[in-house]
């Protein structure tokens, strides 16, 4: 389940399984939590490995102090920390009347990384989902000891509006462990997101985060400049990176590019989390014994095929010939595009028009009934196939 907070995942899985068993009481249902780098990733992986969440107070995206956390994993993953972009600079931390990607900062993400390093982490996984900033990772770098200067040697404030003022990135004060290459940062992100160009972060996500049309153009030019500065001033080991167009550089408002400048490795979400074994889940083994996969997402729309969890689940399932159906809170524009990537059927949990608050208040019933409806439809289709019947048009 992607796009759902970890604290809710256990309950959601129980409810969906209950709905399926209403329709098919004898079904063997296996529920699997899947972290996608967004909100709840740290908690999910901490629970999966017997680790713990470490509370930290950091600087929020609009400069406020926020109660955040990172995870120190346990078991065979001991020594690995998990940091969520969403927990320090997520969109939910930006008040609606202050949603201006030109001024929000990723500083708190850098503070979480620094705290994890100081606590002894040798590897750090950064989840890049649900972001509320577009500063190219400027703030995170500053929190890690970097200096971002204008042509007169003055510090430049982090924020998309200020990218065009940057003249130099100074790394002489970078956290010693990073400078010495003693810590490996891996970023779990959507590799469809690049920093610049027609599909660059400012043009694709700027409006979603509150950017005006004028800001989008200004920030696009700023990201072009930022990419060239990173190419020149990054750690020597990272200078071969194409900061403008390499897959993932535009993730989380350009955080991918910023942290790549200090050696971070950018990987697709599934490769960084599931394939690494961190979650303790062998998805391919589970799929080999499955008859059907039901996945879930808050919203299914034109963005779902572009690296979202249901898309990757469907890709994996198709390798094993297992059909996939997906439930969602809402079905948005382009939702049917998912049929081209292996999701065989989709449905909203809301049977009638209702407000978000109404859906939340009645969520338990909606989830159970949606799962039951979906399963009964599948049973009907299976019965017709077994009887070699074809659906006929009724007039």
Protein backbone atom coordinates (compact mmCIF):
# COMPACT_ATOMS: atom_id res chain seq x y z
CA UNK A 1 0.00 0.00 0.00
CA UNK A 2 1.56 3.27 -1.07
CA UNK A 3 0.49 6.81 -0.26
CA UNK A 4 -0.86 5.73 3.14
CA UNK A 5 0.69 6.57 6.50
CA UNK A 6 2.38 3.65 8.22
CA UNK A 7 0.41 4.23 11.39
CA UNK A 8 -2.74 3.53 9.37
CA UNK A 9 -1.40 0.64 7.30
CA UNK A 10 -2.04 -2.16 9.80
CA UNK A 11 -5.67 -1.09 10.24
CA UNK A 12 -6.18 -0.65 6.50
CA UNK A 13 -4.81 -4.09 5.70
CA UNK A 14 -7.06 -5.66 8.34
CA UNK A 15 -10.13 -3.89 6.95
CA UNK A 16 -9.42 -4.80 3.33
CA UNK A 17 -8.79 -8.42 4.28
CA UNK A 18 -12.06 -8.46 6.24
CA UNK A 19 -13.98 -7.21 3.22
CA UNK A 20 -12.43 -9.86 0.98
CA UNK A 21 -13.32 -12.63 3.43
CA UNK A 22 -16.95 -11.46 3.52
CA UNK A 23 -17.20 -12.40 -0.13
CA UNK A 24 -14.85 -15.39 0.00
CA UNK A 25 -14.72 -16.76 3.57
CA UNK A 26 -12.19 -19.46 2.80
CA UNK A 27 -9.66 -17.17 1.14
CA UNK A 28 -6.07 -17.23 2.35
CA UNK A 29 -5.22 -13.52 2.53
CA UNK A 30 -1.63 -12.37 3.04
CA UNK A 31 -1.24 -8.67 3.87
CA UNK A 32 2.03 -6.95 3.00
CA UNK A 33 3.10 -3.43 4.08
CA UNK A 34 5.07 -1.62 1.38
CA UNK A 35 7.03 1.53 2.14
CA UNK A 36 7.51 3.85 -0.84
CA UNK A 37 9.74 6.57 0.57
CA UNK A 38 6.82 8.79 1.53
CA UNK A 39 5.20 9.46 4.86
CA UNK A 40 5.39 6.45 7.17
CA UNK A 41 8.46 4.84 5.57
CA UNK A 42 10.64 5.21 8.67
CA UNK A 43 8.01 3.69 10.93
CA UNK A 44 7.31 0.82 8.54
CA UNK A 45 10.98 -0.13 8.24
CA UNK A 46 11.62 0.30 11.96
CA UNK A 47 8.78 -2.12 12.72
CA UNK A 48 9.94 -4.59 10.07
CA UNK A 49 13.49 -4.76 11.46
CA UNK A 50 12.89 -4.38 15.18
CA UNK A 51 14.37 -0.89 15.15
CA UNK A 52 13.14 2.31 16.73
CA UNK A 53 12.04 5.84 15.88
CA UNK A 54 14.28 8.58 17.24
CA UNK A 55 12.49 11.90 17.93
CA UNK A 56 14.23 15.08 16.76
CA UNK A 57 13.11 18.72 16.71
CA UNK A 58 14.03 20.27 13.36
CA UNK A 59 13.41 23.37 11.27
CA UNK A 60 10.21 22.99 9.27
CA UNK A 61 9.65 24.05 5.66
CA UNK A 62 8.48 27.57 6.59
CA UNK A 63 11.06 28.01 9.35
CA UNK A 64 8.93 26.76 12.22
CA UNK A 65 10.15 24.19 14.74
CA UNK A 66 8.55 20.79 14.11
CA UNK A 67 8.64 17.52 16.01
CA UNK A 68 10.16 15.05 13.59
CA UNK A 69 11.97 11.70 13.68
CA UNK A 70 14.24 9.29 11.90
CA UNK A 71 14.49 5.52 12.29
CA UNK A 72 17.46 3.48 13.44
CA UNK A 73 16.91 0.01 12.05
CA UNK A 74 17.52 -3.19 13.97
CA UNK A 75 18.52 -6.78 13.27
CA UNK A 76 20.69 -7.30 10.22
CA UNK A 77 19.99 -3.69 9.22
CA UNK A 78 21.63 -2.25 12.36
CA UNK A 79 23.66 0.85 11.54
CA UNK A 80 21.21 1.97 8.87
CA UNK A 81 19.07 5.06 9.49
CA UNK A 82 15.93 6.03 7.59
CA UNK A 83 15.05 9.69 7.05
CA UNK A 84 11.77 10.86 5.54
CA UNK A 85 11.57 14.07 3.55
CA UNK A 86 7.91 14.18 4.58
CA UNK A 87 8.75 14.19 8.30
CA UNK A 88 10.79 17.39 8.06
CA UNK A 89 9.74 19.22 4.90
CA UNK A 90 6.55 17.52 3.79
CA UNK A 91 3.64 19.33 2.20
CA UNK A 92 1.43 18.66 5.23
CA UNK A 93 3.86 20.75 7.32
CA UNK A 94 3.26 23.80 5.13
CA UNK A 95 0.14 25.76 6.16
CA UNK A 96 -2.16 26.23 3.17
CA UNK A 97 -1.80 30.00 3.27
CA UNK A 98 2.01 29.66 3.16
CA UNK A 99 2.36 27.18 0.30
CA UNK A 100 4.98 29.03 -1.70
CA UNK A 101 7.72 26.76 -3.13
CA UNK A 102 9.81 29.85 -3.71
CA UNK A 103 10.43 30.28 0.01
CA UNK A 104 10.08 26.85 1.67
CA UNK A 105 13.25 25.06 2.78
CA UNK A 106 14.53 21.50 3.07
CA UNK A 107 16.80 22.50 5.99
CA UNK A 108 15.10 20.09 8.38
CA UNK A 109 15.96 17.12 6.14
CA UNK A 110 19.64 17.97 6.49
CA UNK A 111 19.20 18.26 10.25
CA UNK A 112 17.73 14.75 10.38
CA UNK A 113 20.61 13.36 8.30
CA UNK A 114 23.15 15.08 10.55
CA UNK A 115 21.44 13.74 13.67
CA UNK A 116 21.49 10.20 12.27
CA UNK A 117 25.18 10.48 11.40
CA UNK A 118 25.99 11.78 14.87
CA UNK A 119 24.07 8.85 16.35
CA UNK A 120 26.39 6.44 14.56
CA UNK A 121 24.60 5.60 11.31
CA UNK A 122 26.96 4.49 8.54
CA UNK A 123 24.23 4.21 5.91
CA UNK A 124 21.25 6.51 5.52
CA UNK A 125 18.18 5.88 3.41
CA UNK A 126 16.34 9.08 2.50
CA UNK A 127 12.72 8.65 1.45
CA UNK A 128 11.73 11.31 -1.07
CA UNK A 129 7.95 11.36 -1.08
CA UNK A 130 5.27 13.89 -0.13
CA UNK A 131 7.59 16.90 -0.27
CA UNK A 132 6.55 20.50 0.28
CA UNK A 133 9.68 22.29 -0.96
CA UNK A 134 11.41 23.16 -4.23
CA UNK A 135 14.79 24.50 -3.14
CA UNK A 136 17.03 22.05 -4.99
CA UNK A 137 18.25 20.67 -1.68
CA UNK A 138 19.84 24.01 -0.75
CA UNK A 139 18.47 23.92 2.78
CA UNK A 140 19.51 20.31 3.41
CA UNK A 141 23.05 21.08 2.24
CA UNK A 142 23.25 24.12 4.50
CA UNK A 143 22.17 22.04 7.50
CA UNK A 144 24.97 19.61 6.66
CA UNK A 145 27.57 22.37 6.78
CA UNK A 146 27.68 23.57 3.18
CA UNK A 147 27.78 27.28 2.34
CA UNK A 148 25.73 28.59 -0.56
CA UNK A 149 27.01 32.01 -1.60
CA UNK A 150 26.16 34.78 -4.05
CA UNK A 151 28.67 36.66 -6.20
CA UNK A 152 29.58 38.91 -3.24
CA UNK A 153 30.21 36.00 -0.90
CA UNK A 154 26.97 36.39 1.03
CA UNK A 155 24.90 33.44 2.21
CA UNK A 156 21.89 32.76 -0.01
CA UNK A 157 18.66 31.81 1.71
CA UNK A 158 17.27 28.41 0.74
CA UNK A 159 14.20 28.52 -1.48
CA UNK A 160 13.25 28.25 -5.12
CA UNK A 161 13.06 32.03 -5.48
CA UNK A 162 16.74 32.39 -4.60
CA UNK A 163 18.32 29.78 -6.87
CA UNK A 164 19.17 32.42 -9.46
CA UNK A 165 21.32 34.31 -6.93
CA UNK A 166 23.66 31.40 -6.23
CA UNK A 167 27.23 31.80 -7.44
CA UNK A 168 29.11 29.17 -5.46
CA UNK A 169 28.67 26.06 -3.33
CA UNK A 170 31.29 25.78 -0.61
CA UNK A 171 31.80 22.35 0.94
CA UNK A 172 34.79 23.01 3.18
CA UNK A 173 32.50 22.94 6.22
CA UNK A 174 30.58 19.82 5.16
CA UNK A 175 29.90 17.30 7.92
CA UNK A 176 33.25 15.49 8.35
CA UNK A 177 31.76 12.01 7.94
CA UNK A 178 30.27 12.98 4.58
CA UNK A 179 33.38 14.78 3.43
CA UNK A 180 35.48 11.71 4.26
CA UNK A 181 33.08 9.33 2.53
CA UNK A 182 32.39 7.47 5.78
CA UNK A 183 28.61 7.60 5.35
CA UNK A 184 26.64 6.37 2.36
CA UNK A 185 23.38 8.16 1.56
CA UNK A 186 20.88 6.34 -0.64
CA UNK A 187 17.77 8.12 -1.84
CA UNK A 188 14.54 6.23 -2.54
CA UNK A 189 12.79 8.32 -5.17
CA UNK A 190 10.79 8.56 -8.34
CA UNK A 191 13.33 8.39 -11.14
CA UNK A 192 10.93 9.99 -13.59
CA UNK A 193 11.63 13.34 -11.90
CA UNK A 194 14.48 15.39 -13.36
CA UNK A 195 15.73 18.80 -12.29
CA UNK A 196 15.44 20.84 -15.50
CA UNK A 197 13.88 20.96 -18.95
CA UNK A 198 10.25 20.68 -20.11
CA UNK A 199 9.62 17.91 -17.55
CA UNK A 200 11.72 19.58 -14.87
CA UNK A 201 10.63 19.83 -11.27
CA UNK A 202 9.53 23.47 -11.44
CA UNK A 203 7.22 22.92 -14.41
CA UNK A 204 5.72 19.62 -13.26
CA UNK A 205 5.38 20.12 -9.52
CA UNK A 206 5.72 23.86 -8.94
CA UNK A 207 2.01 24.60 -9.54
CA UNK A 208 1.02 21.74 -7.20
CA UNK A 209 3.03 23.39 -4.43
CA UNK A 210 1.55 26.82 -5.00
CA UNK A 211 3.89 28.38 -7.59
CA UNK A 212 2.57 31.08 -9.90
CA UNK A 213 3.23 30.92 -13.65
CA UNK A 214 5.88 33.62 -13.27
CA UNK A 215 7.53 31.67 -10.44
CA UNK A 216 7.61 28.51 -12.53
CA UNK A 217 9.62 30.28 -15.24
CA UNK A 218 11.94 31.93 -12.72
CA UNK A 219 12.52 28.71 -10.80
CA UNK A 220 13.14 26.76 -14.01
CA UNK A 221 15.94 29.18 -14.89
CA UNK A 222 17.19 28.98 -11.32
CA UNK A 223 17.39 25.19 -11.43
CA UNK A 224 19.39 25.41 -14.68
CA UNK A 225 21.89 27.63 -12.88
CA UNK A 226 21.91 25.42 -9.79
CA UNK A 227 22.66 22.33 -11.91
CA UNK A 228 25.71 24.01 -13.45
CA UNK A 229 26.98 25.12 -10.03
CA UNK A 230 26.57 21.62 -8.61
CA UNK A 231 28.47 20.18 -11.58
CA UNK A 232 31.37 22.52 -10.82
CA UNK A 233 31.38 22.57 -7.00
CA UNK A 234 30.15 19.11 -5.95
CA UNK A 235 32.45 16.70 -4.15
CA UNK A 236 35.01 15.53 -6.67
CA UNK A 237 33.62 11.99 -6.63
CA UNK A 238 30.19 13.31 -7.67
CA UNK A 239 31.12 15.73 -10.45
CA UNK A 240 30.39 13.29 -13.26
CA UNK A 241 26.68 13.38 -12.34
CA UNK A 242 24.34 15.05 -14.81
CA UNK A 243 22.61 17.18 -12.19
CA UNK A 244 20.21 18.65 -14.75
CA UNK A 245 18.77 15.53 -16.32
CA UNK A 246 19.91 12.42 -14.44
CA UNK A 247 16.93 10.32 -13.29
CA UNK A 248 15.78 11.35 -9.83
CA UNK A 249 17.58 14.69 -9.63
CA UNK A 250 14.24 16.50 -9.55
CA UNK A 251 12.77 14.34 -6.79
CA UNK A 252 11.39 16.19 -3.76
CA UNK A 253 11.81 19.62 -5.28
CA UNK A 254 15.38 18.96 -6.41
CA UNK A 255 16.57 17.36 -3.17
CA UNK A 256 17.89 14.50 -5.30
CA UNK A 257 20.29 16.83 -7.11
CA UNK A 258 21.38 18.61 -3.95
CA UNK A 259 22.29 15.47 -2.03
CA UNK A 260 23.84 13.85 -5.11
CA UNK A 261 26.40 16.66 -4.92
CA UNK A 262 27.68 15.18 -1.65
CA UNK A 263 27.72 11.61 -2.90
CA UNK A 264 24.15 10.37 -2.48
CA UNK A 265 23.10 7.48 -4.71
CA UNK A 266 19.71 7.94 -6.41
CA UNK A 267 17.66 4.76 -6.75
CA UNK A 268 14.06 3.89 -7.66
CA UNK A 269 11.87 3.43 -4.58
CA UNK A 270 11.47 -0.31 -4.89
CA UNK A 271 15.15 -0.94 -5.57
CA UNK A 272 16.20 1.17 -2.60
CA UNK A 273 13.70 -0.30 -0.13
CA UNK A 274 12.21 -3.65 -1.13
CA UNK A 275 15.05 -5.06 -3.21
CA UNK A 276 17.55 -4.05 -0.55
CA UNK A 277 15.85 -6.40 1.90
CA UNK A 278 15.39 -3.61 4.45
CA UNK A 279 11.68 -4.29 4.82
CA UNK A 280 12.20 -8.00 5.37
CA UNK A 281 9.82 -8.76 2.49
CA UNK A 282 10.56 -11.07 -0.45
CA UNK A 283 7.81 -9.81 -2.72
CA UNK A 284 8.71 -12.03 -5.66
CA UNK A 285 8.45 -15.19 -3.53
CA UNK A 286 5.02 -14.09 -2.32
CA UNK A 287 3.85 -13.35 -5.85
CA UNK A 288 4.87 -16.78 -7.09
CA UNK A 289 2.25 -18.33 -4.81
CA UNK A 290 -0.52 -15.77 -5.34
CA UNK A 291 -3.73 -15.97 -7.36
CA UNK A 292 -4.58 -12.27 -7.10
CA UNK A 293 -2.95 -9.06 -5.90
CA UNK A 294 -4.98 -6.20 -4.42
CA UNK A 295 -3.05 -2.98 -3.96
CA UNK A 296 -4.18 0.42 -2.71
CA UNK A 297 -3.32 4.09 -3.15
CA UNK A 298 -4.81 7.33 -1.90
CA UNK A 299 -5.44 8.50 -5.46
CA UNK A 300 -5.03 6.77 -8.80
CA UNK A 301 -4.49 9.14 -11.72
CA UNK A 302 -2.12 9.99 -14.57
CA UNK A 303 0.84 10.07 -12.16
CA UNK A 304 0.35 6.53 -10.87
CA UNK A 305 2.26 4.87 -13.75
CA UNK A 306 5.21 7.20 -13.11
CA UNK A 307 6.91 5.34 -10.31
CA UNK A 308 4.08 4.99 -7.78
CA UNK A 309 3.84 1.81 -5.69
CA UNK A 310 0.82 0.26 -7.50
CA UNK A 311 2.70 0.55 -10.79
CA UNK A 312 5.72 -1.33 -9.49
CA UNK A 313 3.54 -3.93 -7.76
CA UNK A 314 1.77 -4.51 -11.08
CA UNK A 315 5.06 -4.80 -12.94
CA UNK A 316 6.35 -7.40 -10.51
CA UNK A 317 3.06 -9.32 -10.52
CA UNK A 318 2.95 -9.41 -14.32
CA UNK A 319 6.30 -11.23 -14.32
CA UNK A 320 4.58 -14.04 -12.44
CA UNK A 321 1.30 -13.91 -14.39
CA UNK A 322 -0.69 -12.70 -11.38
CA UNK A 323 -3.63 -10.32 -12.03
CA UNK A 324 -3.69 -7.03 -10.12
CA UNK A 325 -6.59 -4.88 -8.96
CA UNK A 326 -6.26 -1.53 -7.21
CA UNK A 327 -8.49 0.33 -4.76
CA UNK A 328 -8.19 4.08 -4.30
CA UNK A 329 -9.74 6.87 -2.32
CA UNK A 330 -10.24 8.80 -5.55
CA UNK A 331 -9.91 8.10 -9.26
CA UNK A 332 -8.50 11.15 -11.02
CA UNK A 333 -7.70 12.28 -14.54
CA UNK A 334 -5.86 9.61 -16.49
CA UNK A 335 -6.72 6.84 -14.04
CA UNK A 336 -7.36 4.37 -16.87
CA UNK A 337 -3.73 4.76 -17.98
CA UNK A 338 -2.88 2.18 -15.32
CA UNK A 339 -4.43 -0.57 -17.45
CA UNK A 340 -1.43 -0.20 -19.76
CA UNK A 341 1.01 -1.05 -16.96
CA UNK A 342 -0.56 -4.24 -15.68
CA UNK A 343 -3.31 -3.10 -13.32
CA UNK A 344 -6.31 -5.05 -14.55
CA UNK A 345 -9.09 -3.24 -12.67
CA UNK A 346 -9.53 -0.18 -10.46
CA UNK A 347 -12.25 1.12 -8.17
CA UNK A 348 -12.86 3.92 -5.71
CA UNK A 349 -13.86 3.05 -2.17
CA UNK A 350 -16.49 5.82 -2.31
CA UNK A 351 -19.78 4.52 -3.76
CA UNK A 352 -21.43 7.96 -3.82
CA UNK A 353 -20.17 11.57 -3.99
CA UNK A 354 -19.00 12.75 -0.57
CA UNK A 355 -16.58 15.18 1.02
CA UNK A 356 -13.11 14.13 2.13
CA UNK A 357 -14.13 14.53 5.76
CA UNK A 358 -17.20 12.34 5.25
CA UNK A 359 -15.00 9.67 3.68
CA UNK A 360 -12.52 9.83 6.56
CA UNK A 361 -15.26 9.67 9.18
CA UNK A 362 -16.82 6.62 7.54
CA UNK A 363 -13.57 5.11 6.32
CA UNK A 364 -13.82 1.75 8.08
CA UNK A 365 -17.17 0.87 6.50
CA UNK A 366 -16.14 2.21 3.09
CA UNK A 367 -12.98 0.12 3.00
CA UNK A 368 -14.64 -3.12 4.07
CA UNK A 369 -17.55 -2.70 1.65
CA UNK A 370 -15.30 -1.69 -1.25
CA UNK A 371 -13.12 -4.76 -0.76
CA UNK A 372 -16.23 -6.96 -0.58
CA UNK A 373 -17.73 -5.42 -3.76
CA UNK A 374 -14.49 -5.85 -5.63
CA UNK A 375 -14.11 -9.48 -4.55
CA UNK A 376 -17.71 -10.35 -5.44
CA UNK A 377 -17.16 -8.94 -8.93
CA UNK A 378 -14.03 -11.05 -9.29
CA UNK A 379 -15.90 -14.16 -8.11
CA UNK A 380 -18.65 -13.49 -10.66
CA UNK A 381 -16.10 -13.16 -13.44
CA UNK A 382 -14.39 -16.37 -12.38
CA UNK A 383 -17.72 -18.21 -12.30
CA UNK A 384 -18.63 -17.00 -15.79
CA UNK A 385 -15.23 -18.04 -17.08
CA UNK A 386 -15.59 -21.47 -15.51
CA UNK A 387 -19.01 -21.85 -17.16
CA UNK A 388 -17.56 -20.53 -20.42
CA UNK A 389 -20.10 -17.74 -20.48
CA UNK A 390 -19.57 -14.38 -22.14
CA UNK A 391 -21.16 -11.17 -20.83
CA UNK A 392 -24.04 -10.10 -23.06
CA UNK A 393 -25.47 -6.67 -23.57
CA UNK A 394 -28.88 -6.34 -21.90
CA UNK A 395 -31.40 -4.11 -23.64
